[in-house]
Structures are given as structure tokens and as C-alpha cells.
Amino acid sequence: MILTDYYRFEKKPGQNSKMRMDCTASTQSYNPFEALRNKNNVLFVYVGDNSYTEAGERGKSDLALSRGEHITSLNTLYPEQPFWYGDFHKTPDALLMIHKGFERYADGRVADGSTIEIFVARGYRANRLNLFAEFIDGVLSDEMETLRKRALPEPPDGKE
């Protein structure tokens, strides 16, 4: 399998934080994400405007995933489709993502109910664009379903 780990994040309604997304299911198997859990074992990230990276040859993505520091820019080749790609900062790993609800992203606020499914491909950072093409073409669909089925639900947490 190329895809090794899975994390699903959701913007829960009623949160004070306009950018926080909580993990609602995961394989709990990718150490860089697991290291982000707080003392209550809750995993969350922030999605916001990309102030972390400078514009390069291909430009700068508009959004980024962070948690105290930059995790990844949320890149796409096809803005009309719900797919992003990136890499976990300081690792050789590629991230492939499916997002919902971000067409309603406005004024730095993630809309309630928005989701991001993150699939990790360990060691594929150098090939992330080719992998992204396979991802959006459906070549990795079986692997994605296998990881979704393996994912465990996260315990609910009402804390902000």
C-alpha cells in the first residue's frame, strides 16, 4: 500500500476558535500527528491563511495547516475540485487531502461542519505531484477505503 495513515478533521459547531478543526477519526498510527495531541489526548489543528511560506516559482498556497508551527501548505492544481496535497513539515512524507465546506471559508473562519480527510503516504514527498494525480483519478480509492475502515473514532471533547 502507498497510503499508510488516515486522519479526519472536522470543524465542530459552536467553537470559539474560528480556525480549529478537531480530529474525529484516525488510524492513530502517524507519529507526527500523534505528537500533536494535548495533555487530554485531543488532537486538533488550525486551518488559516498561509503566512508561513514565501511565494515560490509556482506561487504560494492561500491556506495552511498549523498547530503552533507550520504543518503544511494546502496546495491544489484544480481549485474547483475538493482535493489538496502537501507534505508534513520536516518529514519525507506526502499528504493527500479531500476537503468539504471550504467553499464557505470567509474572513479567516472555517465554516461549521467543514471536513478534511488526510491520507499519509510515507516517504512519497518527492513524488507528491504524481501521487496527487493518481489520488484525484481514483487510482488510490481502494487504499483510501481500507484506511477509513481501519480508523477509530476519537472520543468527543467539549473543551475548546
N, C-alpha and C. Protein backbone atom coordinates (compact mmCIF):
# COMPACT_ATOMS: atom_id res chain seq x y z
N MET A 1 0.83 -1.20 0.00
CA MET A 1 0.00 0.00 0.00
C MET A 1 0.87 1.25 0.00
N ILE A 2 0.45 2.22 -0.75
CA ILE A 2 1.14 3.51 -0.79
C ILE A 2 0.66 4.38 0.37
N LEU A 3 -0.65 4.42 0.60
CA LEU A 3 -1.22 5.21 1.69
C LEU A 3 -1.08 4.42 2.99
N THR A 4 -0.57 5.08 4.03
CA THR A 4 -0.24 4.37 5.26
C THR A 4 -1.07 4.79 6.48
N ASP A 5 -1.60 6.01 6.48
CA ASP A 5 -2.26 6.53 7.68
C ASP A 5 -3.42 7.43 7.25
N TYR A 6 -4.37 7.62 8.17
CA TYR A 6 -5.57 8.39 7.87
C TYR A 6 -5.98 9.22 9.09
N TYR A 7 -6.35 10.47 8.84
CA TYR A 7 -6.86 11.37 9.87
C TYR A 7 -8.00 12.19 9.30
N ARG A 8 -9.12 12.26 10.04
CA ARG A 8 -10.27 13.04 9.62
C ARG A 8 -10.47 14.16 10.63
N PHE A 9 -10.52 15.40 10.15
CA PHE A 9 -10.72 16.57 10.99
C PHE A 9 -12.03 17.24 10.62
N GLU A 10 -12.71 17.78 11.64
CA GLU A 10 -13.99 18.42 11.41
C GLU A 10 -14.07 19.72 12.22
N LYS A 11 -14.69 20.72 11.63
CA LYS A 11 -14.96 21.98 12.34
C LYS A 11 -16.27 21.78 13.09
N LYS A 12 -16.16 21.67 14.39
CA LYS A 12 -17.34 21.42 15.21
C LYS A 12 -18.11 22.73 15.44
N PRO A 13 -19.44 22.66 15.47
CA PRO A 13 -20.23 23.87 15.68
C PRO A 13 -20.05 24.42 17.09
N GLY A 14 -20.15 25.72 17.19
CA GLY A 14 -20.11 26.37 18.49
C GLY A 14 -18.74 26.61 19.08
N GLN A 15 -17.69 26.33 18.35
CA GLN A 15 -16.34 26.58 18.87
C GLN A 15 -16.04 28.07 18.84
N ASN A 16 -15.32 28.54 19.83
CA ASN A 16 -14.88 29.93 19.83
C ASN A 16 -13.82 30.18 18.78
N SER A 17 -12.93 29.21 18.60
CA SER A 17 -11.85 29.35 17.62
C SER A 17 -12.42 29.26 16.22
N LYS A 18 -12.09 30.23 15.39
CA LYS A 18 -12.63 30.23 14.03
C LYS A 18 -11.83 29.34 13.08
N MET A 19 -10.65 28.86 13.50
CA MET A 19 -9.80 28.07 12.61
C MET A 19 -9.56 26.64 13.08
N ARG A 20 -10.01 26.30 14.28
CA ARG A 20 -9.72 24.98 14.85
C ARG A 20 -10.56 23.89 14.20
N MET A 21 -9.89 22.76 13.91
CA MET A 21 -10.57 21.57 13.41
C MET A 21 -10.12 20.40 14.28
N ASP A 22 -11.08 19.66 14.80
CA ASP A 22 -10.80 18.54 15.70
C ASP A 22 -10.76 17.22 14.94
N CYS A 23 -9.85 16.35 15.35
CA CYS A 23 -9.78 15.02 14.78
C CYS A 23 -10.98 14.23 15.29
N THR A 24 -11.74 13.63 14.36
CA THR A 24 -12.92 12.86 14.74
C THR A 24 -12.74 11.36 14.48
N ALA A 25 -11.74 11.01 13.68
CA ALA A 25 -11.42 9.60 13.43
C ALA A 25 -9.99 9.52 12.89
N SER A 26 -9.30 8.44 13.22
CA SER A 26 -7.94 8.28 12.71
C SER A 26 -7.46 6.86 12.90
N THR A 27 -6.39 6.53 12.20
CA THR A 27 -5.73 5.25 12.41
C THR A 27 -4.80 5.31 13.62
N GLN A 28 -4.58 6.50 14.14
CA GLN A 28 -3.73 6.73 15.32
C GLN A 28 -2.35 6.11 15.14
N SER A 29 -1.82 6.22 13.92
CA SER A 29 -0.60 5.50 13.59
C SER A 29 0.53 6.36 13.05
N TYR A 30 0.30 7.65 12.90
CA TYR A 30 1.32 8.51 12.31
C TYR A 30 1.91 9.41 13.39
N ASN A 31 3.13 9.12 13.79
CA ASN A 31 3.75 9.81 14.92
C ASN A 31 3.75 11.33 14.83
N PRO A 32 4.01 11.95 13.66
CA PRO A 32 3.97 13.41 13.62
C PRO A 32 2.60 14.00 14.01
N PHE A 33 1.51 13.34 13.66
CA PHE A 33 0.20 13.81 14.12
C PHE A 33 -0.02 13.44 15.58
N GLU A 34 0.34 12.24 15.95
CA GLU A 34 0.13 11.79 17.33
C GLU A 34 0.87 12.68 18.34
N ALA A 35 2.00 13.22 17.93
CA ALA A 35 2.78 14.11 18.81
C ALA A 35 2.07 15.44 19.06
N LEU A 36 1.06 15.75 18.27
CA LEU A 36 0.31 17.00 18.43
C LEU A 36 -0.84 16.88 19.43
N ARG A 37 -1.08 15.70 19.95
CA ARG A 37 -2.16 15.53 20.94
C ARG A 37 -1.83 16.33 22.20
N ASN A 38 -2.86 16.93 22.80
CA ASN A 38 -2.64 17.70 24.02
C ASN A 38 -2.66 16.78 25.24
N LYS A 39 -2.57 17.36 26.43
CA LYS A 39 -2.50 16.55 27.65
C LYS A 39 -3.76 15.72 27.90
N ASN A 40 -4.87 16.12 27.26
CA ASN A 40 -6.12 15.35 27.36
C ASN A 40 -6.28 14.36 26.21
N ASN A 41 -5.19 14.15 25.44
CA ASN A 41 -5.17 13.23 24.31
C ASN A 41 -6.06 13.67 23.16
N VAL A 42 -6.32 14.97 23.06
CA VAL A 42 -7.15 15.52 21.99
C VAL A 42 -6.24 16.03 20.88
N LEU A 43 -6.58 15.69 19.67
CA LEU A 43 -5.82 16.12 18.50
C LEU A 43 -6.63 17.14 17.71
N PHE A 44 -6.05 18.30 17.48
CA PHE A 44 -6.68 19.31 16.65
C PHE A 44 -5.62 20.09 15.91
N VAL A 45 -6.03 20.71 14.82
CA VAL A 45 -5.15 21.55 14.01
C VAL A 45 -5.91 22.83 13.68
N TYR A 46 -5.20 23.77 13.10
CA TYR A 46 -5.80 25.03 12.65
C TYR A 46 -5.64 25.15 11.14
N VAL A 47 -6.67 25.65 10.48
CA VAL A 47 -6.62 25.95 9.06
C VAL A 47 -6.81 27.45 8.93
N GLY A 48 -5.83 28.10 8.29
CA GLY A 48 -5.93 29.54 8.14
C GLY A 48 -5.12 30.04 6.96
N ASP A 49 -5.14 31.34 6.81
CA ASP A 49 -4.38 31.95 5.72
C ASP A 49 -2.91 31.58 5.86
N ASN A 50 -2.28 31.35 4.74
CA ASN A 50 -0.90 30.90 4.73
C ASN A 50 0.05 32.09 4.93
N SER A 51 0.53 32.22 6.14
CA SER A 51 1.52 33.26 6.44
C SER A 51 2.89 32.63 6.70
N TYR A 52 3.00 31.33 6.39
CA TYR A 52 4.20 30.58 6.73
C TYR A 52 5.23 30.49 5.61
N THR A 53 4.77 30.44 4.38
CA THR A 53 5.70 30.22 3.28
C THR A 53 5.72 31.41 2.35
N GLU A 54 6.86 31.61 1.72
CA GLU A 54 7.00 32.69 0.75
C GLU A 54 6.61 32.18 -0.63
N ALA A 55 6.13 33.08 -1.45
CA ALA A 55 5.76 32.70 -2.81
C ALA A 55 6.99 32.19 -3.54
N GLY A 56 6.84 31.07 -4.18
CA GLY A 56 7.95 30.49 -4.92
C GLY A 56 7.65 30.52 -6.40
N GLU A 57 8.36 29.69 -7.12
CA GLU A 57 8.22 29.62 -8.57
C GLU A 57 6.77 29.33 -8.98
N ARG A 58 6.09 28.44 -8.26
CA ARG A 58 4.73 28.05 -8.60
C ARG A 58 3.71 28.83 -7.79
N GLY A 59 4.15 29.80 -7.00
CA GLY A 59 3.22 30.57 -6.20
C GLY A 59 3.05 30.00 -4.81
N LYS A 60 2.29 30.69 -4.03
CA LYS A 60 2.07 30.33 -2.64
C LYS A 60 0.61 29.91 -2.47
N SER A 61 0.38 28.85 -1.73
CA SER A 61 -1.00 28.44 -1.49
C SER A 61 -1.67 29.45 -0.57
N ASP A 62 -2.97 29.55 -0.67
CA ASP A 62 -3.71 30.52 0.13
C ASP A 62 -3.90 30.07 1.57
N LEU A 63 -3.99 28.75 1.79
CA LEU A 63 -4.27 28.23 3.12
C LEU A 63 -3.15 27.31 3.61
N ALA A 64 -3.08 27.17 4.93
CA ALA A 64 -2.09 26.28 5.53
C ALA A 64 -2.70 25.59 6.74
N LEU A 65 -2.14 24.44 7.05
CA LEU A 65 -2.49 23.68 8.24
C LEU A 65 -1.39 23.93 9.26
N SER A 66 -1.77 24.23 10.50
CA SER A 66 -0.76 24.53 11.52
C SER A 66 -1.22 24.04 12.89
N ARG A 67 -0.26 24.04 13.78
CA ARG A 67 -0.52 23.75 15.19
C ARG A 67 0.72 24.23 15.95
N GLY A 68 0.75 25.53 16.22
CA GLY A 68 1.91 26.12 16.85
C GLY A 68 2.98 26.47 15.85
N GLU A 69 3.15 25.63 14.84
CA GLU A 69 4.04 25.90 13.73
C GLU A 69 3.43 25.34 12.46
N HIS A 70 4.02 25.70 11.36
CA HIS A 70 3.53 25.26 10.06
C HIS A 70 3.61 23.74 9.93
N ILE A 71 2.49 23.11 9.53
CA ILE A 71 2.48 21.68 9.23
C ILE A 71 2.61 21.49 7.73
N THR A 72 1.70 22.11 6.96
CA THR A 72 1.76 22.03 5.51
C THR A 72 0.95 23.14 4.87
N SER A 73 1.38 23.54 3.69
CA SER A 73 0.55 24.39 2.85
C SER A 73 -0.49 23.49 2.20
N LEU A 74 -1.67 24.04 1.92
CA LEU A 74 -2.75 23.28 1.31
C LEU A 74 -2.78 23.65 -0.17
N ASN A 75 -2.12 22.84 -0.97
CA ASN A 75 -1.93 23.12 -2.39
C ASN A 75 -2.93 22.36 -3.25
N THR A 76 -3.23 22.93 -4.40
CA THR A 76 -4.05 22.23 -5.38
C THR A 76 -3.67 22.67 -6.77
N LEU A 77 -3.91 21.82 -7.72
CA LEU A 77 -3.74 22.17 -9.13
C LEU A 77 -5.08 22.49 -9.76
N TYR A 78 -6.16 22.11 -9.07
CA TYR A 78 -7.50 22.25 -9.60
C TYR A 78 -8.41 22.88 -8.55
N PRO A 79 -8.47 24.21 -8.48
CA PRO A 79 -9.23 24.88 -7.42
C PRO A 79 -10.71 24.52 -7.37
N GLU A 80 -11.28 24.07 -8.48
CA GLU A 80 -12.70 23.73 -8.50
C GLU A 80 -12.98 22.34 -7.92
N GLN A 81 -11.94 21.58 -7.64
CA GLN A 81 -12.10 20.24 -7.07
C GLN A 81 -11.73 20.22 -5.59
N PRO A 82 -12.29 19.29 -4.83
CA PRO A 82 -12.09 19.27 -3.37
C PRO A 82 -10.84 18.51 -2.92
N PHE A 83 -9.73 18.71 -3.62
CA PHE A 83 -8.52 17.97 -3.30
C PHE A 83 -7.35 18.92 -3.03
N TRP A 84 -6.57 18.59 -2.01
CA TRP A 84 -5.33 19.31 -1.70
C TRP A 84 -4.20 18.29 -1.59
N TYR A 85 -2.99 18.78 -1.69
CA TYR A 85 -1.82 17.97 -1.40
C TYR A 85 -0.84 18.82 -0.63
N GLY A 86 0.08 18.15 0.04
CA GLY A 86 1.13 18.84 0.79
C GLY A 86 2.13 17.83 1.29
N ASP A 87 2.89 18.25 2.27
CA ASP A 87 3.84 17.34 2.92
C ASP A 87 3.94 17.75 4.38
N PHE A 88 4.13 16.77 5.23
CA PHE A 88 4.24 17.08 6.66
C PHE A 88 5.61 17.70 6.90
N HIS A 89 5.60 18.92 7.39
CA HIS A 89 6.81 19.69 7.64
C HIS A 89 7.88 18.83 8.33
N LYS A 90 9.07 18.87 7.79
CA LYS A 90 10.24 18.19 8.37
C LYS A 90 10.19 16.67 8.25
N THR A 91 9.38 16.13 7.34
CA THR A 91 9.36 14.68 7.11
C THR A 91 9.47 14.43 5.61
N PRO A 92 9.75 13.20 5.21
CA PRO A 92 9.78 12.86 3.77
C PRO A 92 8.41 12.39 3.26
N ASP A 93 7.35 12.74 3.98
CA ASP A 93 6.03 12.17 3.72
C ASP A 93 5.11 13.12 2.98
N ALA A 94 4.31 12.55 2.08
CA ALA A 94 3.31 13.32 1.33
C ALA A 94 1.97 13.23 2.05
N LEU A 95 1.18 14.29 1.92
CA LEU A 95 -0.18 14.32 2.45
C LEU A 95 -1.13 14.55 1.28
N LEU A 96 -2.17 13.75 1.19
CA LEU A 96 -3.21 13.89 0.18
C LEU A 96 -4.52 14.12 0.92
N MET A 97 -5.28 15.13 0.52
CA MET A 97 -6.44 15.54 1.30
C MET A 97 -7.68 15.73 0.46
N ILE A 98 -8.81 15.39 1.06
CA ILE A 98 -10.13 15.69 0.50
C ILE A 98 -10.81 16.64 1.48
N HIS A 99 -11.31 17.75 0.96
CA HIS A 99 -11.95 18.72 1.84
C HIS A 99 -13.39 18.97 1.42
N LYS A 100 -14.21 19.32 2.42
CA LYS A 100 -15.60 19.69 2.20
C LYS A 100 -15.91 20.92 3.03
N GLY A 101 -16.65 21.84 2.45
CA GLY A 101 -17.09 23.02 3.19
C GLY A 101 -16.20 24.23 3.06
N PHE A 102 -15.08 24.12 2.37
CA PHE A 102 -14.16 25.25 2.29
C PHE A 102 -14.54 26.28 1.23
N GLU A 103 -15.57 25.97 0.44
CA GLU A 103 -16.08 26.99 -0.46
C GLU A 103 -16.75 28.10 0.35
N ARG A 104 -17.05 27.81 1.62
CA ARG A 104 -17.65 28.80 2.52
C ARG A 104 -16.62 29.44 3.44
N TYR A 105 -15.33 29.22 3.21
CA TYR A 105 -14.28 29.82 4.03
C TYR A 105 -14.27 31.32 3.76
N ALA A 106 -14.48 32.11 4.79
CA ALA A 106 -14.53 33.56 4.62
C ALA A 106 -14.07 34.25 5.89
N ASP A 107 -13.43 35.37 5.73
CA ASP A 107 -12.97 36.19 6.85
C ASP A 107 -12.15 35.38 7.86
N GLY A 108 -11.36 34.42 7.36
CA GLY A 108 -10.49 33.63 8.23
C GLY A 108 -11.23 32.63 9.09
N ARG A 109 -12.50 32.36 8.79
CA ARG A 109 -13.29 31.41 9.58
C ARG A 109 -13.63 30.18 8.76
N VAL A 110 -13.33 29.02 9.33
CA VAL A 110 -13.73 27.75 8.73
C VAL A 110 -15.20 27.53 9.08
N ALA A 111 -16.01 27.22 8.09
CA ALA A 111 -17.44 27.02 8.32
C ALA A 111 -17.70 25.77 9.15
N ASP A 112 -18.66 25.86 10.06
CA ASP A 112 -19.06 24.71 10.87
C ASP A 112 -19.40 23.54 9.95
N GLY A 113 -18.96 22.34 10.33
CA GLY A 113 -19.23 21.15 9.55
C GLY A 113 -18.22 20.87 8.45
N SER A 114 -17.29 21.78 8.21
CA SER A 114 -16.25 21.54 7.20
C SER A 114 -15.39 20.37 7.64
N THR A 115 -14.89 19.60 6.68
CA THR A 115 -14.06 18.44 6.99
C THR A 115 -12.82 18.40 6.10
N ILE A 116 -11.79 17.77 6.62
CA ILE A 116 -10.59 17.44 5.85
C ILE A 116 -10.23 16.00 6.18
N GLU A 117 -10.14 15.18 5.16
CA GLU A 117 -9.63 13.83 5.31
C GLU A 117 -8.19 13.86 4.81
N ILE A 118 -7.27 13.42 5.66
CA ILE A 118 -5.85 13.44 5.31
C ILE A 118 -5.34 12.01 5.22
N PHE A 119 -4.77 11.71 4.07
CA PHE A 119 -4.14 10.41 3.83
C PHE A 119 -2.64 10.63 3.75
N VAL A 120 -1.88 9.86 4.50
CA VAL A 120 -0.42 9.99 4.54
C VAL A 120 0.19 8.93 3.64
N ALA A 121 1.17 9.35 2.85
CA ALA A 121 1.96 8.42 2.04
C ALA A 121 3.41 8.60 2.51
N ARG A 122 3.82 7.73 3.41
CA ARG A 122 5.16 7.86 3.99
C ARG A 122 6.23 7.67 2.92
N GLY A 123 7.19 8.61 2.92
CA GLY A 123 8.31 8.52 2.01
C GLY A 123 8.04 9.00 0.59
N TYR A 124 6.86 9.55 0.32
CA TYR A 124 6.49 9.94 -1.04
C TYR A 124 6.52 11.45 -1.28
N ARG A 125 7.16 12.21 -0.41
CA ARG A 125 7.19 13.66 -0.57
C ARG A 125 7.74 14.08 -1.94
N ALA A 126 8.78 13.44 -2.40
CA ALA A 126 9.40 13.80 -3.68
C ALA A 126 8.51 13.46 -4.87
N ASN A 127 7.52 12.61 -4.66
CA ASN A 127 6.62 12.19 -5.74
C ASN A 127 5.18 12.64 -5.50
N ARG A 128 5.00 13.66 -4.68
CA ARG A 128 3.64 14.03 -4.29
C ARG A 128 2.77 14.51 -5.45
N LEU A 129 3.34 15.14 -6.47
CA LEU A 129 2.51 15.59 -7.59
C LEU A 129 2.01 14.41 -8.43
N ASN A 130 2.86 13.44 -8.68
CA ASN A 130 2.41 12.24 -9.39
C ASN A 130 1.37 11.48 -8.56
N LEU A 131 1.62 11.39 -7.28
CA LEU A 131 0.69 10.72 -6.38
C LEU A 131 -0.64 11.48 -6.33
N PHE A 132 -0.59 12.80 -6.34
CA PHE A 132 -1.80 13.62 -6.34
C PHE A 132 -2.63 13.32 -7.59
N ALA A 133 -1.99 13.18 -8.73
CA ALA A 133 -2.71 12.86 -9.97
C ALA A 133 -3.42 11.52 -9.83
N GLU A 134 -2.75 10.52 -9.28
CA GLU A 134 -3.38 9.22 -9.07
C GLU A 134 -4.52 9.31 -8.06
N PHE A 135 -4.33 10.12 -7.04
CA PHE A 135 -5.33 10.33 -6.00
C PHE A 135 -6.63 10.86 -6.58
N ILE A 136 -6.54 11.93 -7.38
CA ILE A 136 -7.76 12.53 -7.92
C ILE A 136 -8.35 11.71 -9.06
N ASP A 137 -7.55 10.86 -9.67
CA ASP A 137 -8.06 9.98 -10.73
C ASP A 137 -8.71 8.71 -10.17
N GLY A 138 -8.66 8.53 -8.85
CA GLY A 138 -9.31 7.38 -8.23
C GLY A 138 -8.47 6.13 -8.14
N VAL A 139 -7.20 6.20 -8.54
CA VAL A 139 -6.33 5.03 -8.51
C VAL A 139 -6.14 4.50 -7.08
N LEU A 140 -6.21 5.41 -6.09
CA LEU A 140 -5.95 5.03 -4.70
C LEU A 140 -7.23 4.80 -3.89
N SER A 141 -8.37 4.73 -4.55
CA SER A 141 -9.66 4.61 -3.86
C SER A 141 -9.75 3.40 -2.93
N ASP A 142 -9.26 2.25 -3.37
CA ASP A 142 -9.32 1.05 -2.52
C ASP A 142 -8.49 1.23 -1.26
N GLU A 143 -7.32 1.82 -1.40
CA GLU A 143 -6.46 2.07 -0.24
C GLU A 143 -7.12 3.06 0.72
N MET A 144 -7.77 4.08 0.15
CA MET A 144 -8.46 5.07 0.98
C MET A 144 -9.56 4.40 1.80
N GLU A 145 -10.35 3.54 1.17
CA GLU A 145 -11.43 2.85 1.88
C GLU A 145 -10.89 1.92 2.96
N THR A 146 -9.80 1.24 2.68
CA THR A 146 -9.18 0.37 3.69
C THR A 146 -8.80 1.17 4.93
N LEU A 147 -8.18 2.34 4.73
CA LEU A 147 -7.77 3.17 5.86
C LEU A 147 -8.98 3.75 6.60
N ARG A 148 -9.99 4.16 5.89
CA ARG A 148 -11.21 4.68 6.54
C ARG A 148 -11.82 3.62 7.46
N LYS A 149 -11.85 2.38 6.98
CA LYS A 149 -12.41 1.28 7.77
C LYS A 149 -11.56 0.96 8.99
N ARG A 150 -10.26 1.19 8.89
CA ARG A 150 -9.34 0.91 9.98
C ARG A 150 -9.33 2.02 11.05
N ALA A 151 -9.87 3.18 10.67
CA ALA A 151 -9.85 4.34 11.57
C ALA A 151 -10.74 4.12 12.79
N LEU A 152 -10.28 4.63 13.92
CA LEU A 152 -11.02 4.58 15.17
C LEU A 152 -11.64 5.94 15.43
N PRO A 153 -12.85 5.98 15.97
CA PRO A 153 -13.43 7.27 16.31
C PRO A 153 -12.70 7.88 17.50
N GLU A 154 -12.57 9.19 17.48
CA GLU A 154 -11.96 9.91 18.59
C GLU A 154 -13.04 10.16 19.64
N PRO A 155 -12.68 10.12 20.92
CA PRO A 155 -13.69 10.42 21.95
C PRO A 155 -14.14 11.88 21.84
N PRO A 156 -15.42 12.13 22.06
CA PRO A 156 -15.90 13.52 21.98
C PRO A 156 -15.26 14.36 23.07
N ASP A 157 -15.03 15.62 22.75
CA ASP A 157 -14.41 16.53 23.71
C ASP A 157 -15.10 17.87 23.58
N GLY A 158 -15.67 18.34 24.65
CA GLY A 158 -16.36 19.63 24.60
C GLY A 158 -15.47 20.80 24.91
N LYS A 159 -14.20 20.56 25.16
CA LYS A 159 -13.28 21.64 25.54
C LYS A 159 -12.79 22.38 24.32
N GLU A 160 -12.49 23.61 24.47
CA GLU A 160 -12.01 24.47 23.38
C GLU A 160 -10.52 24.64 23.42
